[in-house]
PDB file of N, CA and C in Angstrom:
ATOM      1  N   MET A   1    -192.697 -86.419-160.269  1.00  0.00           N
ATOM      2  CA  MET A   1    -193.037 -87.790-160.570  1.00  0.00           C
ATOM      3  C   MET A   1    -192.752 -88.057-162.032  1.00  0.00           C
ATOM      4  N   SER A   2    -192.333 -89.245-162.319  1.00  0.00           N
ATOM      5  CA  SER A   2    -192.065 -89.583-163.710  1.00  0.00           C
ATOM      6  C   SER A   2    -193.175 -90.465-164.249  1.00  0.00           C
ATOM      7  N   ALA A   3    -193.512 -90.264-165.521  1.00  0.00           N
ATOM      8  CA  ALA A   3    -194.543 -91.071-166.165  1.00  0.00           C
ATOM      9  C   ALA A   3    -193.894 -92.326-166.734  1.00  0.00           C
ATOM     10  N   VAL A   4    -194.509 -93.458-166.486  1.00  0.00           N
ATOM     11  CA  VAL A   4    -194.010 -94.737-166.957  1.00  0.00           C
ATOM     12  C   VAL A   4    -194.900 -95.203-168.096  1.00  0.00           C
ATOM     13  N   ASN A   5    -194.283 -95.615-169.207  1.00  0.00           N
ATOM     14  CA  ASN A   5    -195.061 -96.192-170.295  1.00  0.00           C
ATOM     15  C   ASN A   5    -195.496 -97.586-169.885  1.00  0.00           C
ATOM     16  N   GLN A   6    -196.778 -97.830-170.000  1.00  0.00           N
ATOM     17  CA  GLN A   6    -197.329 -99.131-169.651  1.00  0.00           C
ATOM     18  C   GLN A   6    -198.318 -99.505-170.742  1.00  0.00           C
ATOM     19  N   HIS A   7    -197.958-100.499-171.553  1.00  0.00           N
ATOM     20  CA  HIS A   7    -198.795-100.949-172.653  1.00  0.00           C
ATOM     21  C   HIS A   7    -199.455-102.267-172.253  1.00  0.00           C
ATOM     22  N   PHE A   8    -200.701-102.459-172.658  1.00  0.00           N
ATOM     23  CA  PHE A   8    -201.392-103.710-172.362  1.00  0.00           C
ATOM     24  C   PHE A   8    -202.565-103.880-173.313  1.00  0.00           C
ATOM     25  N   HIS A   9    -203.243-105.015-173.218  1.00  0.00           N
ATOM     26  CA  HIS A   9    -204.424-105.250-174.048  1.00  0.00           C
ATOM     27  C   HIS A   9    -205.609-105.600-173.165  1.00  0.00           C
ATOM     28  N   LEU A  10    -206.777-105.364-173.710  1.00  0.00           N
ATOM     29  CA  LEU A  10    -208.059-105.735-173.099  1.00  0.00           C
ATOM     30  C   LEU A  10    -208.909-106.377-174.179  1.00  0.00           C
ATOM     31  N   ASP A  11    -209.797-107.245-173.775  1.00  0.00           N
ATOM     32  CA  ASP A  11    -210.812-107.770-174.686  1.00  0.00           C
ATOM     33  C   ASP A  11    -212.111-107.031-174.430  1.00  0.00           C
ATOM     34  N   VAL A  12    -212.845-106.711-175.486  1.00  0.00           N
ATOM     35  CA  VAL A  12    -214.162-106.106-175.318  1.00  0.00           C
ATOM     36  C   VAL A  12    -214.986-107.029-174.418  1.00  0.00           C
ATOM     37  N   GLY A  13    -215.659-106.469-173.429  1.00  0.00           N
ATOM     38  CA  GLY A  13    -216.514-107.247-172.541  1.00  0.00           C
ATOM     39  C   GLY A  13    -215.775-107.983-171.435  1.00  0.00           C
ATOM     40  N   GLU A  14    -214.512-107.667-171.229  1.00  0.00           N
ATOM     41  CA  GLU A  14    -213.708-108.326-170.200  1.00  0.00           C
ATOM     42  C   GLU A  14    -213.637-107.468-168.942  1.00  0.00           C
ATOM     43  N   ASP A  15    -213.746-108.104-167.776  1.00  0.00           N
ATOM     44  CA  ASP A  15    -213.448-107.432-166.511  1.00  0.00           C
ATOM     45  C   ASP A  15    -211.938-107.475-166.330  1.00  0.00           C
ATOM     46  N   ARG A  16    -211.342-106.329-165.971  1.00  0.00           N
ATOM     47  CA  ARG A  16    -209.895-106.315-165.774  1.00  0.00           C
ATOM     48  C   ARG A  16    -209.530-105.311-164.701  1.00  0.00           C
ATOM     49  N   THR A  17    -208.679-105.712-163.781  1.00  0.00           N
ATOM     50  CA  THR A  17    -208.109-104.805-162.793  1.00  0.00           C
ATOM     51  C   THR A  17    -206.648-104.599-163.150  1.00  0.00           C
ATOM     52  N   ILE A  18    -206.275-103.323-163.304  1.00  0.00           N
ATOM     53  CA  ILE A  18    -204.916-102.957-163.704  1.00  0.00           C
ATOM     54  C   ILE A  18    -204.247-102.300-162.508  1.00  0.00           C
ATOM     55  N   SER A  19    -203.050-102.737-162.193  1.00  0.00           N
ATOM     56  CA  SER A  19    -202.312-102.216-161.045  1.00  0.00           C
ATOM     57  C   SER A  19    -201.225-101.253-161.516  1.00  0.00           C
ATOM     58  N   PHE A  20    -201.076-100.165-160.781  1.00  0.00           N
ATOM     59  CA  PHE A  20    -200.059 -99.154-161.070  1.00  0.00           C
ATOM     60  C   PHE A  20    -199.303 -98.847-159.781  1.00  0.00           C
ATOM     61  N   THR A  21    -198.015 -98.529-159.912  1.00  0.00           N
ATOM     62  CA  THR A  21    -197.222 -98.039-158.792  1.00  0.00           C
ATOM     63  C   THR A  21    -196.745 -96.640-159.136  1.00  0.00           C
ATOM     64  N   VAL A  22    -197.082 -95.671-158.289  1.00  0.00           N
ATOM     65  CA  VAL A  22    -196.692 -94.281-158.484  1.00  0.00           C
ATOM     66  C   VAL A  22    -195.302 -94.089-157.900  1.00  0.00           C
ATOM     67  N   THR A  23    -194.394 -93.560-158.737  1.00  0.00           N
ATOM     68  CA  THR A  23    -193.011 -93.391-158.308  1.00  0.00           C
ATOM     69  C   THR A  23    -192.542 -91.948-158.518  1.00  0.00           C
ATOM     70  N   SER A  24    -191.474 -91.617-157.850  1.00  0.00           N
ATOM     71  CA  SER A  24    -190.897 -90.280-158.024  1.00  0.00           C
ATOM     72  C   SER A  24    -189.907 -90.241-159.176  1.00  0.00           C
ATOM     73  N   ASP A  25    -189.304 -91.390-159.488  1.00  0.00           N
ATOM     74  CA  ASP A  25    -188.234 -91.417-160.493  1.00  0.00           C
ATOM     75  C   ASP A  25    -188.274 -92.643-161.397  1.00  0.00           C
ATOM     76  N   GLY A  26    -189.396 -93.351-161.406  1.00  0.00           N
ATOM     77  CA  GLY A  26    -189.498 -94.577-162.192  1.00  0.00           C
ATOM     78  C   GLY A  26    -189.238 -95.837-161.392  1.00  0.00           C
ATOM     79  N   THR A  27    -188.629 -95.688-160.201  1.00  0.00           N
ATOM     80  CA  THR A  27    -188.355 -96.865-159.373  1.00  0.00           C
ATOM     81  C   THR A  27    -188.703 -96.674-157.900  1.00  0.00           C
ATOM     82  N   THR A  28    -188.659 -95.441-157.393  1.00  0.00           N
ATOM     83  CA  THR A  28    -188.898 -95.183-155.974  1.00  0.00           C
ATOM     84  C   THR A  28    -190.360 -94.834-155.739  1.00  0.00           C
ATOM     85  N   ALA A  29    -191.088 -95.725-155.071  1.00  0.00           N
ATOM     86  CA  ALA A  29    -192.513 -95.498-154.804  1.00  0.00           C
ATOM     87  C   ALA A  29    -192.703 -94.311-153.876  1.00  0.00           C
ATOM     88  N   ILE A  30    -193.805 -93.583-154.073  1.00  0.00           N
ATOM     89  CA  ILE A  30    -194.133 -92.478-153.171  1.00  0.00           C
ATOM     90  C   ILE A  30    -195.434 -92.783-152.446  1.00  0.00           C
ATOM     91  N   ASN A  31    -195.606 -92.189-151.300  1.00  0.00           N
ATOM     92  CA  ASN A  31    -196.821 -92.355-150.512  1.00  0.00           C
ATOM     93  C   ASN A  31    -197.948 -91.565-151.182  1.00  0.00           C
ATOM     94  N   ILE A  32    -199.043 -92.233-151.501  1.00  0.00           N
ATOM     95  CA  ILE A  32    -200.156 -91.570-152.186  1.00  0.00           C
ATOM     96  C   ILE A  32    -201.392 -91.425-151.302  1.00  0.00           C
ATOM     97  N   THR A  33    -201.182 -91.378-150.000  1.00  0.00           N
ATOM     98  CA  THR A  33    -202.290 -91.117-149.085  1.00  0.00           C
ATOM     99  C   THR A  33    -202.916 -89.774-149.459  1.00  0.00           C
ATOM    100  N   ALA A  34    -204.219 -89.689-149.492  1.00  0.00           N
ATOM    101  CA  ALA A  34    -204.991 -88.475-149.803  1.00  0.00           C
ATOM    102  C   ALA A  34    -204.914 -88.060-151.263  1.00  0.00           C
ATOM    103  N   TYR A  35    -204.392 -88.917-152.136  1.00  0.00           N
ATOM    104  CA  TYR A  35    -204.399 -88.636-153.571  1.00  0.00           C
ATOM    105  C   TYR A  35    -205.724 -89.102-154.180  1.00  0.00           C
ATOM    106  N   THR A  36    -206.094 -88.522-155.291  1.00  0.00           N
ATOM    107  CA  THR A  36    -207.183 -89.062-156.104  1.00  0.00           C
ATOM    108  C   THR A  36    -206.555 -89.587-157.388  1.00  0.00           C
ATOM    109  N   ILE A  37    -207.186 -90.596-157.946  1.00  0.00           N
ATOM    110  CA  ILE A  37    -206.649 -91.310-159.097  1.00  0.00           C
ATOM    111  C   ILE A  37    -207.694 -91.306-160.207  1.00  0.00           C
ATOM    112  N   ALA A  38    -207.278 -90.973-161.416  1.00  0.00           N
ATOM    113  CA  ALA A  38    -208.192 -91.016-162.566  1.00  0.00           C
ATOM    114  C   ALA A  38    -207.473 -91.666-163.746  1.00  0.00           C
ATOM    115  N   TRP A  39    -208.098 -92.657-164.333  1.00  0.00           N
ATOM    116  CA  TRP A  39    -207.565 -93.336-165.513  1.00  0.00           C
ATOM    117  C   TRP A  39    -208.464 -93.015-166.687  1.00  0.00           C
ATOM    118  N   LYS A  40    -207.856 -92.636-167.809  1.00  0.00           N
ATOM    119  CA  LYS A  40    -208.640 -92.284-168.995  1.00  0.00           C
ATOM    120  C   LYS A  40    -208.105 -93.015-170.213  1.00  0.00           C
ATOM    121  N   LEU A  41    -209.048 -93.380-171.084  1.00  0.00           N
ATOM    122  CA  LEU A  41    -208.750 -94.059-172.328  1.00  0.00           C
ATOM    123  C   LEU A  41    -209.157 -93.127-173.462  1.00  0.00           C
ATOM    124  N   TYR A  42    -208.223 -92.858-174.373  1.00  0.00           N
ATOM    125  CA  TYR A  42    -208.440 -91.923-175.478  1.00  0.00           C
ATOM    126  C   TYR A  42    -208.291 -92.642-176.810  1.00  0.00           C
ATOM    127  N   THR A  43    -208.901 -92.087-177.849  1.00  0.00           N
ATOM    128  CA  THR A  43    -208.764 -92.676-179.180  1.00  0.00           C
ATOM    129  C   THR A  43    -207.365 -92.467-179.742  1.00  0.00           C
ATOM    130  N   HIS A  44    -206.674 -91.424-179.301  1.00  0.00           N
ATOM    131  CA  HIS A  44    -205.285 -91.165-179.689  1.00  0.00           C
ATOM    132  C   HIS A  44    -204.678 -90.178-178.688  1.00  0.00           C
ATOM    133  N   PRO A  45    -203.352 -90.036-178.662  1.00  0.00           N
ATOM    134  CA  PRO A  45    -202.711 -89.200-177.640  1.00  0.00           C
ATOM    135  C   PRO A  45    -203.141 -87.731-177.624  1.00  0.00           C
ATOM    136  N   MET A  46    -203.572 -87.195-178.740  1.00  0.00           N
ATOM    137  CA  MET A  46    -203.942 -85.783-178.803  1.00  0.00           C
ATOM    138  C   MET A  46    -205.455 -85.550-178.681  1.00  0.00           C
ATOM    139  N   ALA A  47    -206.220 -86.603-178.406  1.00  0.00           N
ATOM    140  CA  ALA A  47    -207.674 -86.465-178.273  1.00  0.00           C
ATOM    141  C   ALA A  47    -208.014 -85.544-177.111  1.00  0.00           C
ATOM    142  N   SER A  48    -209.032 -84.699-177.310  1.00  0.00           N
ATOM    143  CA  SER A  48    -209.401 -83.743-176.263  1.00  0.00           C
ATOM    144  C   SER A  48    -210.379 -84.325-175.238  1.00  0.00           C
ATOM    145  N   SER A  49    -211.053 -85.397-175.589  1.00  0.00           N
ATOM    146  CA  SER A  49    -211.975 -86.007-174.631  1.00  0.00           C
ATOM    147  C   SER A  49    -211.738 -87.515-174.587  1.00  0.00           C
ATOM    148  N   ALA A  50    -212.012 -88.086-173.432  1.00  0.00           N
ATOM    149  CA  ALA A  50    -211.774 -89.511-173.213  1.00  0.00           C
ATOM    150  C   ALA A  50    -212.945 -90.354-173.694  1.00  0.00           C
ATOM    151  N   ALA A  51    -212.625 -91.520-174.225  1.00  0.00           N
ATOM    152  CA  ALA A  51    -213.645 -92.495-174.597  1.00  0.00           C
ATOM    153  C   ALA A  51    -214.142 -93.237-173.360  1.00  0.00           C
ATOM    154  N   LEU A  52    -213.320 -93.269-172.313  1.00  0.00           N
ATOM    155  CA  LEU A  52    -213.675 -93.965-171.075  1.00  0.00           C
ATOM    156  C   LEU A  52    -212.878 -93.341-169.928  1.00  0.00           C
ATOM    157  N   THR A  53    -213.553 -93.101-168.814  1.00  0.00           N
ATOM    158  CA  THR A  53    -212.901 -92.586-167.604  1.00  0.00           C
ATOM    159  C   THR A  53    -213.276 -93.490-166.434  1.00  0.00           C
ATOM    160  N   VAL A  54    -212.274 -93.894-165.666  1.00  0.00           N
ATOM    161  CA  VAL A  54    -212.499 -94.767-164.515  1.00  0.00           C
ATOM    162  C   VAL A  54    -211.729 -94.193-163.329  1.00  0.00           C
ATOM    163  N   ALA A  55    -212.390 -94.103-162.181  1.00  0.00           N
ATOM    164  CA  ALA A  55    -211.720 -93.664-160.953  1.00  0.00           C
ATOM    165  C   ALA A  55    -210.866 -94.805-160.420  1.00  0.00           C
ATOM    166  N   GLY A  56    -209.663 -94.476-159.991  1.00  0.00           N
ATOM    167  CA  GLY A  56    -208.783 -95.476-159.416  1.00  0.00           C
ATOM    168  C   GLY A  56    -208.995 -95.608-157.924  1.00  0.00           C
ATOM    169  N   VAL A  57    -208.469 -96.687-157.374  1.00  0.00           N
ATOM    170  CA  VAL A  57    -208.573 -96.981-155.945  1.00  0.00           C
ATOM    171  C   VAL A  57    -207.165 -97.174-155.400  1.00  0.00           C
ATOM    172  N   ILE A  58    -206.864 -96.510-154.293  1.00  0.00           N
ATOM    173  CA  ILE A  58    -205.572 -96.698-153.633  1.00  0.00           C
ATOM    174  C   ILE A  58    -205.636 -98.008-152.862  1.00  0.00           C
ATOM    175  N   THR A  59    -204.702 -98.914-153.171  1.00  0.00           N
ATOM    176  CA  THR A  59    -204.715-100.217-152.505  1.00  0.00           C
ATOM    177  C   THR A  59    -203.565-100.383-151.505  1.00  0.00           C
ATOM    178  N   ASP A  60    -202.497 -99.610-151.665  1.00  0.00           N
ATOM    179  CA  ASP A  60    -201.372 -99.624-150.726  1.00  0.00           C
ATOM    180  C   ASP A  60    -200.720 -98.245-150.794  1.00  0.00           C
ATOM    181  N   ALA A  61    -201.274 -97.298-150.041  1.00  0.00           N
ATOM    182  CA  ALA A  61    -200.854 -95.899-150.133  1.00  0.00           C
ATOM    183  C   ALA A  61    -199.365 -95.713-149.850  1.00  0.00           C
ATOM    184  N   ALA A  62    -198.861 -96.360-148.813  1.00  0.00           N
ATOM    185  CA  ALA A  62    -197.459 -96.172-148.417  1.00  0.00           C
ATOM    186  C   ALA A  62    -196.487 -96.586-149.516  1.00  0.00           C
ATOM    187  N   ASN A  63    -196.882 -97.573-150.334  1.00  0.00           N
ATOM    188  CA  ASN A  63    -196.019 -98.069-151.405  1.00  0.00           C
ATOM    189  C   ASN A  63    -196.446 -97.587-152.790  1.00  0.00           C
ATOM    190  N   GLY A  64    -197.355 -96.598-152.829  1.00  0.00           N
ATOM    191  CA  GLY A  64    -197.739 -95.976-154.085  1.00  0.00           C
ATOM    192  C   GLY A  64    -198.591 -96.814-155.012  1.00  0.00           C
ATOM    193  N   VAL A  65    -199.241 -97.838-154.488  1.00  0.00           N
ATOM    194  CA  VAL A  65    -199.984 -98.762-155.349  1.00  0.00           C
ATOM    195  C   VAL A  65    -201.463 -98.382-155.428  1.00  0.00           C
ATOM    196  N   CYS A  66    -201.939 -98.332-156.665  1.00  0.00           N
ATOM    197  CA  CYS A  66    -203.365 -98.101-156.907  1.00  0.00           C
ATOM    198  C   CYS A  66    -203.834 -99.033-158.017  1.00  0.00           C
ATOM    199  N   THR A  67    -205.130 -99.229-158.096  1.00  0.00           N
ATOM    200  CA  THR A  67    -205.695-100.071-159.140  1.00  0.00           C
ATOM    201  C   THR A  67    -206.831 -99.352-159.837  1.00  0.00           C
ATOM    202  N   VAL A  68    -207.057 -99.778-161.061  1.00  0.00           N
ATOM    203  CA  VAL A  68    -208.185 -99.304-161.855  1.00  0.00           C
ATOM    204  C   VAL A  68    -208.918-100.547-162.327  1.00  0.00           C
ATOM    205  N   THR A  69    -210.224-100.594-162.101  1.00  0.00           N
ATOM    206  CA  THR A  69    -211.007-101.740-162.540  1.00  0.00           C
ATOM    207  C   THR A  69    -211.895-101.335-163.704  1.00  0.00           C
ATOM    208  N   VAL A  70    -211.661-101.986-164.831  1.00  0.00           N
ATOM    209  CA  VAL A  70    -212.483-101.780-166.027  1.00  0.00           C
ATOM    210  C   VAL A  70    -213.515-102.901-166.022  1.00  0.00           C
ATOM    211  N   ALA A  71    -214.780-102.518-165.928  1.00  0.00           N
ATOM    212  CA  ALA A  71    -215.866-103.508-165.914  1.00  0.00           C
ATOM    213  C   ALA A  71    -216.145-103.995-167.335  1.00  0.00           C
ATOM    214  N   ASP A  72    -216.704-105.182-167.433  1.00  0.00           N
ATOM    215  CA  ASP A  72    -216.995-105.746-168.756  1.00  0.00           C
ATOM    216  C   ASP A  72    -217.866-104.824-169.607  1.00  0.00           C
ATOM    217  N   THR A  73    -218.799-104.132-168.980  1.00  0.00           N
ATOM    218  CA  THR A  73    -219.703-103.251-169.729  1.00  0.00           C
ATOM    219  C   THR A  73    -219.047-101.934-170.147  1.00  0.00           C
ATOM    220  N   ASP A  74    -217.908-101.580-169.542  1.00  0.00           N
ATOM    221  CA  ASP A  74    -217.227-100.328-169.892  1.00  0.00           C
ATOM    222  C   ASP A  74    -216.752-100.304-171.338  1.00  0.00           C
ATOM    223  N   THR A  75    -216.436-101.463-171.889  1.00  0.00           N
ATOM    224  CA  THR A  75    -215.877-101.516-173.240  1.00  0.00           C
ATOM    225  C   THR A  75    -216.872-101.977-174.299  1.00  0.00           C
ATOM    226  N   ASP A  76    -218.093-102.299-173.888  1.00  0.00           N
ATOM    227  CA  ASP A  76    -219.082-102.826-174.837  1.00  0.00           C
ATOM    228  C   ASP A  76    -219.322-101.925-176.039  1.00  0.00           C
ATOM    229  N   SER A  77    -219.309-100.621-175.846  1.00  0.00           N
ATOM    230  CA  SER A  77    -219.612 -99.706-176.948  1.00  0.00           C
ATOM    231  C   SER A  77    -218.360 -99.214-177.684  1.00  0.00           C
ATOM    232  N   LEU A  78    -217.197 -99.694-177.285  1.00  0.00           N
ATOM    233  CA  LEU A  78    -215.955 -99.244-177.920  1.00  0.00           C
ATOM    234  C   LEU A  78    -215.551-100.161-179.071  1.00  0.00           C
ATOM    235  N   GLU A  79    -214.999 -99.549-180.099  1.00  0.00           N
ATOM    236  CA  GLU A  79    -214.525-100.282-181.268  1.00  0.00           C
ATOM    237  C   GLU A  79    -213.170-100.922-180.966  1.00  0.00           C
ATOM    238  N   PRO A  80    -212.989-102.197-181.329  1.00  0.00           N
ATOM    239  CA  PRO A  80    -211.675-102.811-181.154  1.00  0.00           C
ATOM    240  C   PRO A  80    -210.636-102.049-181.994  1.00  0.00           C
ATOM    241  N   ARG A  81    -209.558-101.624-181.371  1.00  0.00           N
ATOM    242  CA  ARG A  81    -208.492-100.847-182.024  1.00  0.00           C
ATOM    243  C   ARG A  81    -207.440-100.529-180.974  1.00  0.00           C
ATOM    244  N   VAL A  82    -206.445 -99.772-181.340  1.00  0.00           N
ATOM    245  CA  VAL A  82    -205.434 -99.316-180.392  1.00  0.00           C
ATOM    246  C   VAL A  82    -205.866 -97.958-179.845  1.00  0.00           C
ATOM    247  N   TYR A  83    -205.897 -97.855-178.525  1.00  0.00           N
ATOM    248  CA  TYR A  83    -206.242 -96.620-177.815  1.00  0.00           C
ATOM    249  C   TYR A  83    -205.011 -96.136-177.073  1.00  0.00           C
ATOM    250  N   TRP A  84    -205.101 -94.970-176.473  1.00  0.00           N
ATOM    251  CA  TRP A  84    -204.054 -94.374-175.649  1.00  0.00           C
ATOM    252  C   TRP A  84    -204.623 -94.212-174.243  1.00  0.00           C
ATOM    253  N   HIS A  85    -203.878 -94.542-173.227  1.00  0.00           N
ATOM    254  CA  HIS A  85    -204.372 -94.365-171.856  1.00  0.00           C
ATOM    255  C   HIS A  85    -203.431 -93.474-171.072  1.00  0.00           C
ATOM    256  N   GLN A  86    -203.964 -92.883-170.019  1.00  0.00           N
ATOM    257  CA  GLN A  86    -203.124 -92.171-169.062  1.00  0.00           C
ATOM    258  C   GLN A  86    -203.730 -92.289-167.676  1.00  0.00           C
ATOM    259  N   LEU A  87    -202.847 -92.396-166.694  1.00  0.00           N
ATOM    260  CA  LEU A  87    -203.228 -92.415-165.288  1.00  0.00           C
ATOM    261  C   LEU A  87    -202.741 -91.111-164.684  1.00  0.00           C
ATOM    262  N   LYS A  88    -203.671 -90.347-164.146  1.00  0.00           N
ATOM    263  CA  LYS A  88    -203.329 -89.061-163.533  1.00  0.00           C
ATOM    264  C   LYS A  88    -203.649 -89.125-162.053  1.00  0.00           C
ATOM    265  N   VAL A  89    -202.716 -88.623-161.248  1.00  0.00           N
ATOM    266  CA  VAL A  89    -202.932 -88.537-159.811  1.00  0.00           C
ATOM    267  C   VAL A  89    -202.984 -87.070-159.413  1.00  0.00           C
ATOM    268  N   THR A  90    -203.781 -86.794-158.395  1.00  0.00           N
ATOM    269  CA  THR A  90    -203.885 -85.441-157.851  1.00  0.00           C
ATOM    270  C   THR A  90    -203.629 -85.539-156.360  1.00  0.00           C
ATOM    271  N   ASP A  91    -202.642 -84.760-155.880  1.00  0.00           N
ATOM    272  CA  ASP A  91    -202.312 -84.816-154.458  1.00  0.00           C
ATOM    273  C   ASP A  91    -203.239 -83.910-153.650  1.00  0.00           C
ATOM    274  N   GLY A  92    -203.064 -83.883-152.339  1.00  0.00           N
ATOM    275  CA  GLY A  92    -203.912 -83.105-151.448  1.00  0.00           C
ATOM    276  C   GLY A  92    -203.852 -81.609-151.659  1.00  0.00           C
ATOM    277  N   SER A  93    -202.822 -81.130-152.382  1.00  0.00           N
ATOM    278  CA  SER A  93    -202.696 -79.698-152.694  1.00  0.00           C
ATOM    279  C   SER A  93    -203.186 -79.377-154.101  1.00  0.00           C
ATOM    280  N   ALA A  94    -203.858 -80.321-154.733  1.00  0.00           N
ATOM    281  CA  ALA A  94    -204.430 -80.184-156.080  1.00  0.00           C
ATOM    282  C   ALA A  94    -203.378 -80.155-157.188  1.00  0.00           C
ATOM    283  N   ASN A  95    -202.174 -80.654-156.909  1.00  0.00           N
ATOM    284  CA  ASN A  95    -201.150 -80.787-157.954  1.00  0.00           C
ATOM    285  C   ASN A  95    -201.415 -82.068-158.734  1.00  0.00           C
ATOM    286  N   GLU A  96    -201.487 -81.961-160.063  1.00  0.00           N
ATOM    287  CA  GLU A  96    -201.777 -83.114-160.911  1.00  0.00           C
ATOM    288  C   GLU A  96    -200.514 -83.600-161.608  1.00  0.00           C
ATOM    289  N   SER A  97    -200.397 -84.915-161.749  1.00  0.00           N
ATOM    290  CA  SER A  97    -199.269 -85.519-162.468  1.00  0.00           C
ATOM    291  C   SER A  97    -199.748 -86.734-163.236  1.00  0.00           C
ATOM    292  N   VAL A  98    -199.322 -86.851-164.487  1.00  0.00           N
ATOM    293  CA  VAL A  98    -199.549 -88.073-165.256  1.00  0.00           C
ATOM    294  C   VAL A  98    -198.426 -89.028-164.877  1.00  0.00           C
ATOM    295  N   VAL A  99    -198.794 -90.193-164.352  1.00  0.00           N
ATOM    296  CA  VAL A  99    -197.787 -91.128-163.847  1.00  0.00           C
ATOM    297  C   VAL A  99    -197.675 -92.399-164.676  1.00  0.00           C
ATOM    298  N   SER A 100    -198.612 -92.615-165.582  1.00  0.00           N
ATOM    299  CA  SER A 100    -198.526 -93.752-166.493  1.00  0.00           C
ATOM    300  C   SER A 100    -199.280 -93.397-167.755  1.00  0.00           C
ATOM    301  N   ARG A 101    -198.769 -93.921-168.860  1.00  0.00           N
ATOM    302  CA  ARG A 101    -199.411 -93.696-170.155  1.00  0.00           C
ATOM    303  C   ARG A 101    -198.953 -94.801-171.090  1.00  0.00           C
ATOM    304  N   GLY A 102    -199.658 -94.928-172.188  1.00  0.00           N
ATOM    305  CA  GLY A 102    -199.245 -95.933-173.169  1.00  0.00           C
ATOM    306  C   GLY A 102    -200.395 -96.394-174.027  1.00  0.00           C
ATOM    307  N   ASN A 103    -200.116 -97.426-174.810  1.00  0.00           N
ATOM    308  CA  ASN A 103    -201.115 -97.988-175.717  1.00  0.00           C
ATOM    309  C   ASN A 103    -201.931 -99.066-175.017  1.00  0.00           C
ATOM    310  N   VAL A 104    -203.204 -99.095-175.362  1.00  0.00           N
ATOM    311  CA  VAL A 104    -204.092-100.183-174.942  1.00  0.00           C
ATOM    312  C   VAL A 104    -204.697-100.754-176.215  1.00  0.00           C
ATOM    313  N   THR A 105    -204.442-102.015-176.469  1.00  0.00           N
ATOM    314  CA  THR A 105    -205.034-102.668-177.628  1.00  0.00           C
ATOM    315  C   THR A 105    -206.338-103.314-177.167  1.00  0.00           C
ATOM    316  N   LEU A 106    -207.442-102.805-177.692  1.00  0.00           N
ATOM    317  CA  LEU A 106    -208.752-103.380-177.370  1.00  0.00           C
ATOM    318  C   LEU A 106    -209.079-104.407-178.442  1.00  0.00           C
ATOM    319  N   LYS A 107    -209.159-105.648-178.034  1.00  0.00           N
ATOM    320  CA  LYS A 107    -209.392-106.755-178.967  1.00  0.00           C
ATOM    321  C   LYS A 107    -210.873-107.125-178.996  1.00  0.00           C
ATOM    322  N   PRO A 108    -211.329-107.709-180.115  1.00  0.00           N
ATOM    323  CA  PRO A 108    -212.740-108.120-180.181  1.00  0.00           C
ATOM    324  C   PRO A 108    -213.076-109.095-179.054  1.00  0.00           C
ATOM    325  N   ALA A 109    -214.350-109.114-178.691  1.00  0.00           N
ATOM    326  CA  ALA A 109    -214.812-110.008-177.631  1.00  0.00           C
ATOM    327  C   ALA A 109    -214.525-111.452-177.977  1.00  0.00           C
ATOM    328  N   LYS A 110    -214.147-112.210-176.962  1.00  0.00           N
ATOM    329  CA  LYS A 110    -213.943-113.643-177.156  1.00  0.00           C
ATOM    330  C   LYS A 110    -215.302-114.315-177.240  1.00  0.00           C
ATOM    331  N   THR A 111    -215.407-115.274-178.119  1.00  0.00           N
ATOM    332  CA  THR A 111    -216.691-115.992-178.247  1.00  0.00           C
ATOM    333  C   THR A 111    -216.551-117.415-177.815  1.00  0.00           C
TER     334      THR A 111
END
């Protein structure tokens, strides 16, 4: 599987659902039936622990589509700044692959 860079922004205190498509080569979707999905937000790419971890949900297994929902309260304690994220999938044989990564700009809460 190839990892796709996916950059986006969030506002502190915002509910957001992020959609990902798992592919074998960047364009060809793979079936993710029986996979587990984990999305993590880090302070930087080399950080050893995540500032936030969210379990993903498979929404269209045959077409490799999964979503991650960040609740408004998930970001309340985080400082607005640029973070690093990664989406990791684990197949039924316990093989892990990072399939998406990139920058997440966390912006101050809208007033």
